[in-house]
Amino acid sequence: MTQISRFIGEVVPVTQRVAGDRGESAAPDGGGGFADYALVSLHCLWIYLDSSYRITIDLLK
């Protein structure tokens, strides 16, 4: 397991509890956007990596 995977594995459950999105998919069909917890998790990863959003997204691909 990579360092990013471990970090996300720890952050997502916390952000789901805080955002109240426990049962919601990260990208709901027909929702037109992402669940709040997915955006907060991405922001946490961006801070953790201390990089730009573009680099953070590229690493997730």
N, C-alpha and C. Protein backbone atom coordinates (compact mmCIF):
# COMPACT_ATOMS: atom_id res chain seq x y z
N MET A 1 0.84 -1.17 0.00
CA MET A 1 0.00 0.00 0.00
C MET A 1 0.90 1.25 0.00
N THR A 2 0.57 2.18 -0.86
CA THR A 2 1.39 3.38 -0.94
C THR A 2 1.07 4.34 0.20
N GLN A 3 1.95 5.29 0.38
CA GLN A 3 1.76 6.30 1.42
C GLN A 3 0.48 7.10 1.18
N ILE A 4 0.19 7.42 -0.09
CA ILE A 4 -1.03 8.17 -0.42
C ILE A 4 -2.26 7.33 -0.10
N SER A 5 -2.23 6.05 -0.44
CA SER A 5 -3.37 5.17 -0.15
C SER A 5 -3.65 5.08 1.34
N ARG A 6 -2.59 4.96 2.13
CA ARG A 6 -2.76 4.90 3.59
C ARG A 6 -3.35 6.20 4.12
N PHE A 7 -2.84 7.32 3.62
CA PHE A 7 -3.34 8.62 4.07
C PHE A 7 -4.82 8.77 3.74
N ILE A 8 -5.20 8.46 2.51
CA ILE A 8 -6.60 8.57 2.10
C ILE A 8 -7.47 7.61 2.91
N GLY A 9 -6.95 6.41 3.17
CA GLY A 9 -7.69 5.44 3.98
C GLY A 9 -8.00 5.95 5.38
N GLU A 10 -7.14 6.80 5.91
CA GLU A 10 -7.35 7.39 7.23
C GLU A 10 -8.25 8.62 7.16
N VAL A 11 -8.11 9.42 6.10
CA VAL A 11 -8.81 10.70 6.00
C VAL A 11 -10.28 10.54 5.59
N VAL A 12 -10.56 9.67 4.64
CA VAL A 12 -11.93 9.56 4.11
C VAL A 12 -12.96 9.24 5.19
N PRO A 13 -12.75 8.24 6.06
CA PRO A 13 -13.77 8.00 7.09
C PRO A 13 -14.02 9.20 8.00
N VAL A 14 -12.96 9.94 8.31
CA VAL A 14 -13.10 11.13 9.17
C VAL A 14 -13.91 12.20 8.44
N THR A 15 -13.57 12.46 7.18
CA THR A 15 -14.28 13.50 6.44
C THR A 15 -15.73 13.10 6.16
N GLN A 16 -15.99 11.80 6.00
CA GLN A 16 -17.38 11.35 5.83
C GLN A 16 -18.20 11.63 7.08
N ARG A 17 -17.62 11.38 8.25
CA ARG A 17 -18.33 11.65 9.50
C ARG A 17 -18.59 13.14 9.67
N VAL A 18 -17.57 13.95 9.39
CA VAL A 18 -17.70 15.39 9.57
C VAL A 18 -18.69 15.99 8.58
N ALA A 19 -18.64 15.54 7.33
CA ALA A 19 -19.52 16.09 6.29
C ALA A 19 -20.91 15.46 6.31
N GLY A 20 -21.07 14.35 7.03
CA GLY A 20 -22.36 13.70 7.09
C GLY A 20 -22.72 12.98 5.80
N ASP A 21 -21.71 12.56 5.04
CA ASP A 21 -21.93 11.90 3.74
C ASP A 21 -21.62 10.42 3.78
N ARG A 22 -21.87 9.76 4.88
CA ARG A 22 -21.44 8.37 5.05
C ARG A 22 -21.97 7.44 3.96
N GLY A 23 -23.20 7.57 3.52
CA GLY A 23 -23.74 6.65 2.53
C GLY A 23 -23.64 7.14 1.11
N GLU A 24 -23.14 8.33 0.91
CA GLU A 24 -23.13 8.94 -0.42
C GLU A 24 -21.89 8.52 -1.20
N SER A 25 -22.08 8.27 -2.48
CA SER A 25 -20.97 7.97 -3.37
C SER A 25 -20.11 9.22 -3.55
N ALA A 26 -18.82 9.03 -3.83
CA ALA A 26 -17.93 10.18 -4.01
C ALA A 26 -18.38 11.05 -5.18
N ALA A 27 -18.90 10.43 -6.23
CA ALA A 27 -19.40 11.17 -7.40
C ALA A 27 -20.78 10.62 -7.75
N PRO A 28 -21.82 11.09 -7.07
CA PRO A 28 -23.16 10.54 -7.27
C PRO A 28 -23.67 10.72 -8.70
N ASP A 29 -24.37 9.71 -9.21
CA ASP A 29 -24.97 9.80 -10.55
C ASP A 29 -26.02 10.89 -10.57
N GLY A 30 -25.94 11.75 -11.56
CA GLY A 30 -26.93 12.81 -11.71
C GLY A 30 -26.80 13.93 -10.70
N GLY A 31 -25.81 13.84 -9.83
CA GLY A 31 -25.63 14.85 -8.80
C GLY A 31 -24.97 16.12 -9.30
N GLY A 32 -24.25 16.00 -10.40
CA GLY A 32 -23.62 17.16 -10.98
C GLY A 32 -22.36 17.62 -10.26
N GLY A 33 -21.88 16.86 -9.30
CA GLY A 33 -20.68 17.25 -8.58
C GLY A 33 -20.18 16.13 -7.70
N PHE A 34 -19.31 16.47 -6.80
CA PHE A 34 -18.74 15.49 -5.90
C PHE A 34 -19.31 15.66 -4.50
N ALA A 35 -19.30 14.59 -3.74
CA ALA A 35 -19.74 14.65 -2.35
C ALA A 35 -18.78 15.55 -1.57
N ASP A 36 -19.29 16.20 -0.54
CA ASP A 36 -18.46 17.11 0.26
C ASP A 36 -17.23 16.42 0.81
N TYR A 37 -17.38 15.16 1.26
CA TYR A 37 -16.24 14.48 1.86
C TYR A 37 -15.13 14.24 0.84
N ALA A 38 -15.48 14.05 -0.43
CA ALA A 38 -14.46 13.83 -1.46
C ALA A 38 -13.65 15.11 -1.67
N LEU A 39 -14.31 16.25 -1.66
CA LEU A 39 -13.60 17.51 -1.83
C LEU A 39 -12.72 17.83 -0.63
N VAL A 40 -13.22 17.56 0.57
CA VAL A 40 -12.42 17.81 1.78
C VAL A 40 -11.23 16.85 1.81
N SER A 41 -11.43 15.60 1.42
CA SER A 41 -10.33 14.64 1.38
C SER A 41 -9.26 15.07 0.38
N LEU A 42 -9.68 15.56 -0.77
CA LEU A 42 -8.73 16.06 -1.76
C LEU A 42 -7.93 17.24 -1.21
N HIS A 43 -8.60 18.13 -0.52
CA HIS A 43 -7.93 19.28 0.08
C HIS A 43 -6.92 18.83 1.14
N CYS A 44 -7.30 17.86 1.96
CA CYS A 44 -6.37 17.33 2.97
C CYS A 44 -5.14 16.72 2.31
N LEU A 45 -5.35 15.98 1.23
CA LEU A 45 -4.23 15.38 0.51
C LEU A 45 -3.33 16.45 -0.08
N TRP A 46 -3.91 17.50 -0.61
CA TRP A 46 -3.14 18.61 -1.17
C TRP A 46 -2.23 19.23 -0.10
N ILE A 47 -2.77 19.43 1.10
CA ILE A 47 -1.98 19.99 2.20
C ILE A 47 -0.90 19.00 2.62
N TYR A 48 -1.26 17.73 2.72
CA TYR A 48 -0.33 16.69 3.14
C TYR A 48 0.86 16.60 2.19
N LEU A 49 0.60 16.66 0.89
CA LEU A 49 1.66 16.54 -0.11
C LEU A 49 2.43 17.84 -0.29
N ASP A 50 1.86 18.96 0.16
CA ASP A 50 2.48 20.27 0.01
C ASP A 50 2.86 20.52 -1.45
N SER A 51 1.86 20.34 -2.32
CA SER A 51 2.07 20.52 -3.75
C SER A 51 0.89 21.30 -4.33
N SER A 52 0.89 21.45 -5.64
CA SER A 52 -0.22 22.14 -6.29
C SER A 52 -1.38 21.16 -6.46
N TYR A 53 -2.58 21.71 -6.70
CA TYR A 53 -3.73 20.85 -6.96
C TYR A 53 -3.51 20.01 -8.21
N ARG A 54 -2.90 20.59 -9.22
CA ARG A 54 -2.66 19.87 -10.48
C ARG A 54 -1.80 18.63 -10.23
N ILE A 55 -0.73 18.79 -9.47
CA ILE A 55 0.15 17.66 -9.16
C ILE A 55 -0.60 16.62 -8.32
N THR A 56 -1.40 17.09 -7.37
CA THR A 56 -2.18 16.18 -6.52
C THR A 56 -3.14 15.35 -7.36
N ILE A 57 -3.85 15.98 -8.28
CA ILE A 57 -4.79 15.26 -9.16
C ILE A 57 -4.03 14.28 -10.05
N ASP A 58 -2.89 14.71 -10.59
CA ASP A 58 -2.09 13.84 -11.44
C ASP A 58 -1.62 12.60 -10.68
N LEU A 59 -1.25 12.76 -9.42
CA LEU A 59 -0.83 11.61 -8.61
C LEU A 59 -1.97 10.62 -8.40
N LEU A 60 -3.20 11.11 -8.32
CA LEU A 60 -4.35 10.24 -8.10
C LEU A 60 -4.73 9.46 -9.36
N LYS A 61 -4.35 9.98 -10.51
CA LYS A 61 -4.66 9.27 -11.76
C LYS A 61 -3.83 8.04 -11.82
